[in-house]
Amino acid sequence: VIGLSKYARLVDWIMGRPQIQEEAVVQLADLI
Protein backbone atom coordinates (compact mmCIF):
# COMPACT_ATOMS: atom_id res chain seq x y z
CA VAL A 1 0.00 0.00 0.00
CA ILE A 2 1.51 3.34 -1.03
CA GLY A 3 0.48 6.82 0.07
CA LEU A 4 -2.07 8.62 -2.10
CA SER A 5 0.30 11.49 -2.84
CA LYS A 6 2.80 9.01 -4.24
CA TYR A 7 0.48 8.18 -7.13
CA ALA A 8 0.55 11.87 -8.09
CA ARG A 9 4.36 11.90 -7.86
CA LEU A 10 4.67 8.81 -10.06
CA VAL A 11 2.30 10.32 -12.63
CA ASP A 12 4.32 13.55 -12.65
CA TRP A 13 7.59 11.61 -13.05
CA ILE A 14 6.37 9.49 -15.95
CA MET A 15 4.55 12.32 -17.72
CA GLY A 16 7.45 14.75 -17.29
CA ARG A 17 9.03 13.54 -20.53
CA PRO A 18 8.27 13.87 -24.23
CA GLN A 19 5.57 11.24 -24.60
CA ILE A 20 2.88 9.80 -26.76
CA GLN A 21 -0.20 9.05 -24.72
CA GLU A 22 -0.48 5.39 -25.71
CA GLU A 23 3.01 4.62 -24.37
CA ALA A 24 2.73 6.89 -21.32
CA VAL A 25 -0.14 4.97 -19.73
CA VAL A 26 1.67 1.67 -20.29
CA GLN A 27 4.82 3.02 -18.62
CA LEU A 28 2.76 4.25 -15.68
CA ALA A 29 0.91 0.94 -15.36
CA ASP A 30 4.19 -1.02 -15.42
CA LEU A 31 5.64 1.20 -12.70
CA ILE A 32 2.62 0.93 -10.39
Full PDB file with SEQRES, HELIX, SHEET, SSBOND, CRYST1, ORIGX, SCALE, CONECT and MASTER records, all heavy atoms in Angstrom:
SEQRES   1 A   32  VAL ILE GLY LEU SER LYS TYR ALA ARG LEU VAL ASP TRP          
SEQRES   2 A   32  ILE MET GLY ARG PRO GLN ILE GLN GLU GLU ALA VAL VAL          
SEQRES   3 A   32  GLN LEU ALA ASP LEU ILE                                      
HELIX    1 AA1 LEU A    4  MET A   15  1                                  12    
HELIX    2 AA2 GLN A   21  LEU A   31  1                                  11    
CRYST1    1.000    1.000    1.000  90.00  90.00  90.00 P 1           1          
ORIGX1      1.000000  0.000000  0.000000        0.00000                         
ORIGX2      0.000000  1.000000  0.000000        0.00000                         
ORIGX3      0.000000  0.000000  1.000000        0.00000                         
SCALE1      1.000000  0.000000  0.000000        0.00000                         
SCALE2      0.000000  1.000000  0.000000        0.00000                         
SCALE3      0.000000  0.000000  1.000000        0.00000                         
ATOM      1  N   VAL A   1       0.853  -1.171   0.000  1.00  0.00           N  
ATOM      2  CA  VAL A   1       0.000   0.000   0.000  1.00  0.00           C  
ATOM      3  C   VAL A   1       0.897   1.230   0.000  1.00  0.00           C  
ATOM      4  O   VAL A   1       1.775   1.372   0.852  1.00  0.00           O  
ATOM      5  CB  VAL A   1      -0.925   0.015   1.241  1.00  0.00           C  
ATOM      6  CG1 VAL A   1      -1.808   1.257   1.237  1.00  0.00           C  
ATOM      7  CG2 VAL A   1      -1.778  -1.251   1.276  1.00  0.00           C  
ATOM      8  N   ILE A   2       0.696   2.122  -0.969  1.00  0.00           N  
ATOM      9  CA  ILE A   2       1.508   3.340  -1.031  1.00  0.00           C  
ATOM     10  C   ILE A   2       0.623   4.549  -0.762  1.00  0.00           C  
ATOM     11  O   ILE A   2      -0.585   4.518  -0.997  1.00  0.00           O  
ATOM     12  CB  ILE A   2       2.235   3.479  -2.384  1.00  0.00           C  
ATOM     13  CG1 ILE A   2       1.246   3.673  -3.531  1.00  0.00           C  
ATOM     14  CG2 ILE A   2       3.126   2.291  -2.628  1.00  0.00           C  
ATOM     15  CD1 ILE A   2       1.928   3.917  -4.876  1.00  0.00           C  
ATOM     16  N   GLY A   3       1.227   5.616  -0.256  1.00  0.00           N  
ATOM     17  CA  GLY A   3       0.477   6.820   0.067  1.00  0.00           C  
ATOM     18  C   GLY A   3      -0.169   7.421  -1.163  1.00  0.00           C  
ATOM     19  O   GLY A   3       0.369   7.343  -2.279  1.00  0.00           O  
ATOM     20  N   LEU A   4      -1.323   8.059  -0.978  1.00  0.00           N  
ATOM     21  CA  LEU A   4      -2.072   8.620  -2.103  1.00  0.00           C  
ATOM     22  C   LEU A   4      -1.246   9.648  -2.875  1.00  0.00           C  
ATOM     23  O   LEU A   4      -1.310   9.705  -4.106  1.00  0.00           O  
ATOM     24  CB  LEU A   4      -3.372   9.255  -1.611  1.00  0.00           C  
ATOM     25  CG  LEU A   4      -4.434   8.289  -1.070  1.00  0.00           C  
ATOM     26  CD1 LEU A   4      -5.660   9.068  -0.605  1.00  0.00           C  
ATOM     27  CD2 LEU A   4      -4.828   7.269  -2.129  1.00  0.00           C  
ATOM     28  N   SER A   5      -0.488  10.463  -2.160  1.00  0.00           N  
ATOM     29  CA  SER A   5       0.297  11.486  -2.842  1.00  0.00           C  
ATOM     30  C   SER A   5       1.360  10.874  -3.746  1.00  0.00           C  
ATOM     31  O   SER A   5       1.810  11.511  -4.708  1.00  0.00           O  
ATOM     32  CB  SER A   5       0.953  12.417  -1.825  1.00  0.00           C  
ATOM     33  OG  SER A   5       1.913  11.722  -1.043  1.00  0.00           O  
ATOM     34  N   LYS A   6       1.754   9.643  -3.441  1.00  0.00           N  
ATOM     35  CA  LYS A   6       2.804   9.013  -4.240  1.00  0.00           C  
ATOM     36  C   LYS A   6       2.314   8.673  -5.642  1.00  0.00           C  
ATOM     37  O   LYS A   6       3.104   8.653  -6.586  1.00  0.00           O  
ATOM     38  CB  LYS A   6       3.322   7.759  -3.535  1.00  0.00           C  
ATOM     39  CG  LYS A   6       3.906   8.026  -2.147  1.00  0.00           C  
ATOM     40  CD  LYS A   6       4.980   9.093  -2.176  1.00  0.00           C  
ATOM     41  CE  LYS A   6       5.611   9.323  -0.816  1.00  0.00           C  
ATOM     42  NZ  LYS A   6       4.710   9.999   0.127  1.00  0.00           N  
ATOM     43  N   TYR A   7       1.021   8.404  -5.792  1.00  0.00           N  
ATOM     44  CA  TYR A   7       0.483   8.183  -7.134  1.00  0.00           C  
ATOM     45  C   TYR A   7       0.657   9.440  -7.974  1.00  0.00           C  
ATOM     46  O   TYR A   7       1.033   9.373  -9.151  1.00  0.00           O  
ATOM     47  CB  TYR A   7      -0.992   7.783  -7.068  1.00  0.00           C  
ATOM     48  CG  TYR A   7      -1.227   6.393  -6.530  1.00  0.00           C  
ATOM     49  CD1 TYR A   7      -1.614   6.181  -5.220  1.00  0.00           C  
ATOM     50  CD2 TYR A   7      -1.059   5.278  -7.353  1.00  0.00           C  
ATOM     51  CE1 TYR A   7      -1.825   4.898  -4.730  1.00  0.00           C  
ATOM     52  CE2 TYR A   7      -1.266   3.988  -6.873  1.00  0.00           C  
ATOM     53  CZ  TYR A   7      -1.652   3.809  -5.559  1.00  0.00           C  
ATOM     54  OH  TYR A   7      -1.854   2.538  -5.066  1.00  0.00           O  
ATOM     55  N   ALA A   8       0.387  10.602  -7.369  1.00  0.00           N  
ATOM     56  CA  ALA A   8       0.551  11.868  -8.090  1.00  0.00           C  
ATOM     57  C   ALA A   8       2.010  12.085  -8.469  1.00  0.00           C  
ATOM     58  O   ALA A   8       2.319  12.570  -9.571  1.00  0.00           O  
ATOM     59  CB  ALA A   8       0.046  13.022  -7.231  1.00  0.00           C  
ATOM     60  N   ARG A   9       2.932  11.723  -7.572  1.00  0.00           N  
ATOM     61  CA  ARG A   9       4.357  11.904  -7.856  1.00  0.00           C  
ATOM     62  C   ARG A   9       4.810  10.971  -8.981  1.00  0.00           C  
ATOM     63  O   ARG A   9       5.635  11.349  -9.819  1.00  0.00           O  
ATOM     64  CB  ARG A   9       5.180  11.663  -6.599  1.00  0.00           C  
ATOM     65  CG  ARG A   9       4.921  12.692  -5.500  1.00  0.00           C  
ATOM     66  CD  ARG A   9       5.843  12.471  -4.308  1.00  0.00           C  
ATOM     67  NE  ARG A   9       5.493  13.337  -3.197  1.00  0.00           N  
ATOM     68  CZ  ARG A   9       5.844  14.607  -3.078  1.00  0.00           C  
ATOM     69  NH1 ARG A   9       6.576  15.162  -4.040  1.00  0.00           N  
ATOM     70  NH2 ARG A   9       5.494  15.325  -2.032  1.00  0.00           N  
ATOM     71  N   LEU A  10       4.303   9.746  -8.994  1.00  0.00           N  
ATOM     72  CA  LEU A  10       4.669   8.812 -10.060  1.00  0.00           C  
ATOM     73  C   LEU A  10       4.117   9.279 -11.407  1.00  0.00           C  
ATOM     74  O   LEU A  10       4.794   9.173 -12.438  1.00  0.00           O  
ATOM     75  CB  LEU A  10       4.158   7.414  -9.731  1.00  0.00           C  
ATOM     76  CG  LEU A  10       4.829   6.705  -8.550  1.00  0.00           C  
ATOM     77  CD1 LEU A  10       4.182   5.354  -8.295  1.00  0.00           C  
ATOM     78  CD2 LEU A  10       6.330   6.544  -8.773  1.00  0.00           C  
ATOM     79  N   VAL A  11       2.882   9.785 -11.393  1.00  0.00           N  
ATOM     80  CA  VAL A  11       2.299  10.323 -12.626  1.00  0.00           C  
ATOM     81  C   VAL A  11       3.149  11.478 -13.138  1.00  0.00           C  
ATOM     82  O   VAL A  11       3.479  11.557 -14.330  1.00  0.00           O  
ATOM     83  CB  VAL A  11       0.846  10.779 -12.392  1.00  0.00           C  
ATOM     84  CG1 VAL A  11       0.337  11.613 -13.572  1.00  0.00           C  
ATOM     85  CG2 VAL A  11      -0.064   9.581 -12.178  1.00  0.00           C  
ATOM     86  N   ASP A  12       3.527  12.386 -12.257  1.00  0.00           N  
ATOM     87  CA  ASP A  12       4.319  13.549 -12.649  1.00  0.00           C  
ATOM     88  C   ASP A  12       5.676  13.121 -13.201  1.00  0.00           C  
ATOM     89  O   ASP A  12       6.181  13.699 -14.167  1.00  0.00           O  
ATOM     90  CB  ASP A  12       4.502  14.465 -11.436  1.00  0.00           C  
ATOM     91  CG  ASP A  12       5.151  15.778 -11.789  1.00  0.00           C  
ATOM     92  OD1 ASP A  12       4.584  16.520 -12.610  1.00  0.00           O  
ATOM     93  OD2 ASP A  12       6.232  16.085 -11.245  1.00  0.00           O  
ATOM     94  N   TRP A  13       6.269  12.081 -12.611  1.00  0.00           N  
ATOM     95  CA  TRP A  13       7.588  11.609 -13.046  1.00  0.00           C  
ATOM     96  C   TRP A  13       7.524  10.966 -14.431  1.00  0.00           C  
ATOM     97  O   TRP A  13       8.365  11.233 -15.286  1.00  0.00           O  
ATOM     98  CB  TRP A  13       8.122  10.612 -12.019  1.00  0.00           C  
ATOM     99  CG  TRP A  13       9.534  10.177 -12.231  1.00  0.00           C  
ATOM    100  CD1 TRP A  13      10.654  10.953 -12.204  1.00  0.00           C  
ATOM    101  CD2 TRP A  13       9.986   8.835 -12.493  1.00  0.00           C  
ATOM    102  NE1 TRP A  13      11.782  10.182 -12.429  1.00  0.00           N  
ATOM    103  CE2 TRP A  13      11.393   8.884 -12.598  1.00  0.00           C  
ATOM    104  CE3 TRP A  13       9.340   7.618 -12.623  1.00  0.00           C  
ATOM    105  CZ2 TRP A  13      12.162   7.745 -12.845  1.00  0.00           C  
ATOM    106  CZ3 TRP A  13      10.106   6.480 -12.868  1.00  0.00           C  
ATOM    107  CH2 TRP A  13      11.506   6.548 -12.984  1.00  0.00           C  
ATOM    108  N   ILE A  14       6.511  10.145 -14.652  1.00  0.00           N  
ATOM    109  CA  ILE A  14       6.366   9.486 -15.955  1.00  0.00           C  
ATOM    110  C   ILE A  14       5.963  10.477 -17.040  1.00  0.00           C  
ATOM    111  O   ILE A  14       6.462  10.441 -18.168  1.00  0.00           O  
ATOM    112  CB  ILE A  14       5.335   8.342 -15.876  1.00  0.00           C  
ATOM    113  CG1 ILE A  14       5.891   7.167 -15.053  1.00  0.00           C  
ATOM    114  CG2 ILE A  14       4.930   7.864 -17.271  1.00  0.00           C  
ATOM    115  CD1 ILE A  14       7.028   6.420 -15.692  1.00  0.00           C  
ATOM    116  N   MET A  15       5.057  11.393 -16.712  1.00  0.00           N  
ATOM    117  CA  MET A  15       4.553  12.321 -17.718  1.00  0.00           C  
ATOM    118  C   MET A  15       5.512  13.478 -17.979  1.00  0.00           C  
ATOM    119  O   MET A  15       5.364  14.189 -18.973  1.00  0.00           O  
ATOM    120  CB  MET A  15       3.189  12.873 -17.272  1.00  0.00           C  
ATOM    121  CG  MET A  15       2.119  11.805 -17.154  1.00  0.00           C  
ATOM    122  SD  MET A  15       1.825  10.958 -18.722  1.00  0.00           S  
ATOM    123  CE  MET A  15       0.972   9.480 -18.145  1.00  0.00           C  
ATOM    124  N   GLY A  16       6.496  13.678 -17.105  1.00  0.00           N  
ATOM    125  CA  GLY A  16       7.453  14.754 -17.293  1.00  0.00           C  
ATOM    126  C   GLY A  16       8.533  14.402 -18.288  1.00  0.00           C  
ATOM    127  O   GLY A  16       9.729  14.548 -18.006  1.00  0.00           O  
ATOM    128  N   ARG A  17       8.121  13.924 -19.454  1.00  0.00           N  
ATOM    129  CA  ARG A  17       9.033  13.537 -20.529  1.00  0.00           C  
ATOM    130  C   ARG A  17       8.286  13.751 -21.843  1.00  0.00           C  
ATOM    131  O   ARG A  17       7.056  13.740 -21.863  1.00  0.00           O  
ATOM    132  CB  ARG A  17       9.428  12.058 -20.422  1.00  0.00           C  
ATOM    133  CG  ARG A  17       9.863  11.625 -19.052  1.00  0.00           C  
ATOM    134  CD  ARG A  17       9.974  10.125 -18.931  1.00  0.00           C  
ATOM    135  NE  ARG A  17      10.144   9.741 -17.529  1.00  0.00           N  
ATOM    136  CZ  ARG A  17      10.275   8.495 -17.116  1.00  0.00           C  
ATOM    137  NH1 ARG A  17      10.272   7.508 -17.994  1.00  0.00           N  
ATOM    138  NH2 ARG A  17      10.414   8.228 -15.825  1.00  0.00           N  
ATOM    139  N   PRO A  18       8.988  13.888 -22.953  1.00  0.00           N  
ATOM    140  CA  PRO A  18       8.274  13.865 -24.228  1.00  0.00           C  
ATOM    141  C   PRO A  18       7.619  12.496 -24.404  1.00  0.00           C  
ATOM    142  O   PRO A  18       8.299  11.476 -24.340  1.00  0.00           O  
ATOM    143  CB  PRO A  18       9.377  14.103 -25.267  1.00  0.00           C  
ATOM    144  CG  PRO A  18      10.506  14.718 -24.491  1.00  0.00           C  
ATOM    145  CD  PRO A  18      10.430  14.101 -23.125  1.00  0.00           C  
ATOM    146  N   GLN A  19       6.320  12.483 -24.615  1.00  0.00           N  
ATOM    147  CA  GLN A  19       5.574  11.240 -24.596  1.00  0.00           C  
ATOM    148  C   GLN A  19       4.599  11.166 -25.758  1.00  0.00           C  
ATOM    149  O   GLN A  19       4.249  12.181 -26.360  1.00  0.00           O  
ATOM    150  CB  GLN A  19       4.748  11.135 -23.299  1.00  0.00           C  
ATOM    151  CG  GLN A  19       5.524  10.857 -22.041  1.00  0.00           C  
ATOM    152  CD  GLN A  19       5.832   9.366 -21.889  1.00  0.00           C  
ATOM    153  OE1 GLN A  19       5.692   8.590 -22.835  1.00  0.00           O  
ATOM    154  NE2 GLN A  19       6.239   8.962 -20.702  1.00  0.00           N  
ATOM    155  N   ILE A  20       4.150   9.966 -26.061  1.00  0.00           N  
ATOM    156  CA  ILE A  20       2.879   9.796 -26.757  1.00  0.00           C  
ATOM    157  C   ILE A  20       1.966   9.097 -25.754  1.00  0.00           C  
ATOM    158  O   ILE A  20       2.416   8.269 -24.951  1.00  0.00           O  
ATOM    159  CB  ILE A  20       2.999   9.012 -28.085  1.00  0.00           C  
ATOM    160  CG1 ILE A  20       3.440   7.570 -27.867  1.00  0.00           C  
ATOM    161  CG2 ILE A  20       3.939   9.724 -29.049  1.00  0.00           C  
ATOM    162  CD1 ILE A  20       3.316   6.721 -29.120  1.00  0.00           C  
ATOM    163  N   GLN A  21       0.713   9.461 -25.778  1.00  0.00           N  
ATOM    164  CA  GLN A  21      -0.198   9.045 -24.717  1.00  0.00           C  
ATOM    165  C   GLN A  21      -0.305   7.534 -24.601  1.00  0.00           C  
ATOM    166  O   GLN A  21      -0.373   6.986 -23.496  1.00  0.00           O  
ATOM    167  CB  GLN A  21      -1.580   9.663 -24.963  1.00  0.00           C  
ATOM    168  CG  GLN A  21      -2.586   9.391 -23.855  1.00  0.00           C  
ATOM    169  CD  GLN A  21      -3.838  10.232 -23.990  1.00  0.00           C  
ATOM    170  OE1 GLN A  21      -3.810  11.314 -24.573  1.00  0.00           O  
ATOM    171  NE2 GLN A  21      -4.941   9.740 -23.467  1.00  0.00           N  
ATOM    172  N   GLU A  22      -0.309   6.845 -25.725  1.00  0.00           N  
ATOM    173  CA  GLU A  22      -0.480   5.392 -25.708  1.00  0.00           C  
ATOM    174  C   GLU A  22       0.650   4.707 -24.938  1.00  0.00           C  
ATOM    175  O   GLU A  22       0.419   3.707 -24.232  1.00  0.00           O  
ATOM    176  CB  GLU A  22      -0.526   4.840 -27.139  1.00  0.00           C  
ATOM    177  CG  GLU A  22      -1.590   5.452 -28.026  1.00  0.00           C  
ATOM    178  CD  GLU A  22      -1.063   6.638 -28.838  1.00  0.00           C  
ATOM    179  OE1 GLU A  22      -0.448   7.539 -28.231  1.00  0.00           O  
ATOM    180  OE2 GLU A  22      -1.269   6.653 -30.058  1.00  0.00           O  
ATOM    181  N   GLU A  23       1.871   5.216 -25.076  1.00  0.00           N  
ATOM    182  CA  GLU A  23       3.006   4.625 -24.372  1.00  0.00           C  
ATOM    183  C   GLU A  23       3.076   5.088 -22.923  1.00  0.00           C  
ATOM    184  O   GLU A  23       3.509   4.344 -22.049  1.00  0.00           O  
ATOM    185  CB  GLU A  23       4.310   4.973 -25.101  1.00  0.00           C  
ATOM    186  CG  GLU A  23       4.432   4.346 -26.476  1.00  0.00           C  
ATOM    187  CD  GLU A  23       5.725   4.726 -27.181  1.00  0.00           C  
ATOM    188  OE1 GLU A  23       6.497   5.534 -26.620  1.00  0.00           O  
ATOM    189  OE2 GLU A  23       5.949   4.230 -28.298  1.00  0.00           O  
ATOM    190  N   ALA A  24       2.636   6.326 -22.667  1.00  0.00           N  
ATOM    191  CA  ALA A  24       2.734   6.886 -21.321  1.00  0.00           C  
ATOM    192  C   ALA A  24       1.925   6.080 -20.311  1.00  0.00           C  
ATOM    193  O   ALA A  24       2.389   5.800 -19.199  1.00  0.00           O  
ATOM    194  CB  ALA A  24       2.270   8.341 -21.327  1.00  0.00           C  
ATOM    195  N   VAL A  25       0.699   5.698 -20.683  1.00  0.00           N  
ATOM    196  CA  VAL A  25      -0.142   4.970 -19.727  1.00  0.00           C  
ATOM    197  C   VAL A  25       0.405   3.567 -19.479  1.00  0.00           C  
ATOM    198  O   VAL A  25       0.274   3.029 -18.373  1.00  0.00           O  
ATOM    199  CB  VAL A  25      -1.622   4.906 -20.195  1.00  0.00           C  
ATOM    200  CG1 VAL A  25      -2.261   6.274 -20.154  1.00  0.00           C  
ATOM    201  CG2 VAL A  25      -1.750   4.309 -21.574  1.00  0.00           C  
ATOM    202  N   VAL A  26       1.056   2.982 -20.478  1.00  0.00           N  
ATOM    203  CA  VAL A  26       1.672   1.667 -20.294  1.00  0.00           C  
ATOM    204  C   VAL A  26       2.863   1.780 -19.343  1.00  0.00           C  
ATOM    205  O   VAL A  26       3.041   0.951 -18.443  1.00  0.00           O  
ATOM    206  CB  VAL A  26       2.097   1.067 -21.651  1.00  0.00           C  
ATOM    207  CG1 VAL A  26       2.912  -0.214 -21.440  1.00  0.00           C  
ATOM    208  CG2 VAL A  26       0.878   0.780 -22.518  1.00  0.00           C  
ATOM    209  N   GLN A  27       3.692   2.801 -19.532  1.00  0.00           N  
ATOM    210  CA  GLN A  27       4.824   3.021 -18.625  1.00  0.00           C  
ATOM    211  C   GLN A  27       4.338   3.200 -17.189  1.00  0.00           C  
ATOM    212  O   GLN A  27       4.917   2.642 -16.250  1.00  0.00           O  
ATOM    213  CB  GLN A  27       5.607   4.268 -19.049  1.00  0.00           C  
ATOM    214  CG  GLN A  27       6.606   4.039 -20.153  1.00  0.00           C  
ATOM    215  CD  GLN A  27       7.511   5.248 -20.325  1.00  0.00           C  
ATOM    216  OE1 GLN A  27       7.083   6.396 -20.257  1.00  0.00           O  
ATOM    217  NE2 GLN A  27       8.787   4.994 -20.559  1.00  0.00           N  
ATOM    218  N   LEU A  28       3.290   4.002 -17.018  1.00  0.00           N  
ATOM    219  CA  LEU A  28       2.758   4.250 -15.682  1.00  0.00           C  
ATOM    220  C   LEU A  28       2.209   2.967 -15.078  1.00  0.00           C  
ATOM    221  O   LEU A  28       2.452   2.668 -13.898  1.00  0.00           O  
ATOM    222  CB  LEU A  28       1.673   5.323 -15.742  1.00  0.00           C  
ATOM    223  CG  LEU A  28       1.028   5.700 -14.412  1.00  0.00           C  
ATOM    224  CD1 LEU A  28       2.056   6.274 -13.442  1.00  0.00           C  
ATOM    225  CD2 LEU A  28      -0.118   6.679 -14.629  1.00  0.00           C  
ATOM    226  N   ALA A  29       1.473   2.199 -15.861  1.00  0.00           N  
ATOM    227  CA  ALA A  29       0.914   0.944 -15.364  1.00  0.00           C  
ATOM    228  C   ALA A  29       2.021  -0.023 -14.948  1.00  0.00           C  
ATOM    229  O   ALA A  29       1.937  -0.666 -13.896  1.00  0.00           O  
ATOM    230  CB  ALA A  29       0.019   0.314 -16.434  1.00  0.00           C  
ATOM    231  N   ASP A  30       3.065  -0.138 -15.756  1.00  0.00           N  
ATOM    232  CA  ASP A  30       4.188  -1.023 -15.420  1.00  0.00           C  
ATOM    233  C   ASP A  30       4.824  -0.609 -14.097  1.00  0.00           C  
ATOM    234  O   ASP A  30       5.158  -1.460 -13.252  1.00  0.00           O  
ATOM    235  CB  ASP A  30       5.242  -0.987 -16.528  1.00  0.00           C  
ATOM    236  CG  ASP A  30       4.787  -1.683 -17.803  1.00  0.00           C  
ATOM    237  OD1 ASP A  30       3.810  -2.452 -17.744  1.00  0.00           O  
ATOM    238  OD2 ASP A  30       5.420  -1.444 -18.852  1.00  0.00           O  
ATOM    239  N   LEU A  31       4.995   0.695 -13.906  1.00  0.00           N  
ATOM    240  CA  LEU A  31       5.640   1.203 -12.700  1.00  0.00           C  
ATOM    241  C   LEU A  31       4.800   0.925 -11.460  1.00  0.00           C  
ATOM    242  O   LEU A  31       5.319   0.484 -10.424  1.00  0.00           O  
ATOM    243  CB  LEU A  31       5.879   2.710 -12.847  1.00  0.00           C  
ATOM    244  CG  LEU A  31       6.609   3.405 -11.703  1.00  0.00           C  
ATOM    245  CD1 LEU A  31       8.028   2.845 -11.529  1.00  0.00           C  
ATOM    246  CD2 LEU A  31       6.667   4.909 -11.943  1.00  0.00           C  
ATOM    247  N   ILE A  32       3.501   1.153 -11.548  1.00  0.00           N  
ATOM    248  CA  ILE A  32       2.625   0.925 -10.394  1.00  0.00           C  
ATOM    249  C   ILE A  32       2.522  -0.565 -10.081  1.00  0.00           C  
ATOM    250  O   ILE A  32       2.545  -0.971  -8.909  1.00  0.00           O  
ATOM    251  CB  ILE A  32       1.231   1.535 -10.641  1.00  0.00           C  
ATOM    252  CG1 ILE A  32       1.351   3.060 -10.763  1.00  0.00           C  
ATOM    253  CG2 ILE A  32       0.276   1.176  -9.508  1.00  0.00           C  
ATOM    254  CD1 ILE A  32       0.052   3.744 -11.151  1.00  0.00           C  
TER     255      ILE A  32                                                      
MASTER        0    0    0    2    0    0    0    6  254    1    0    3          
END                                                                             
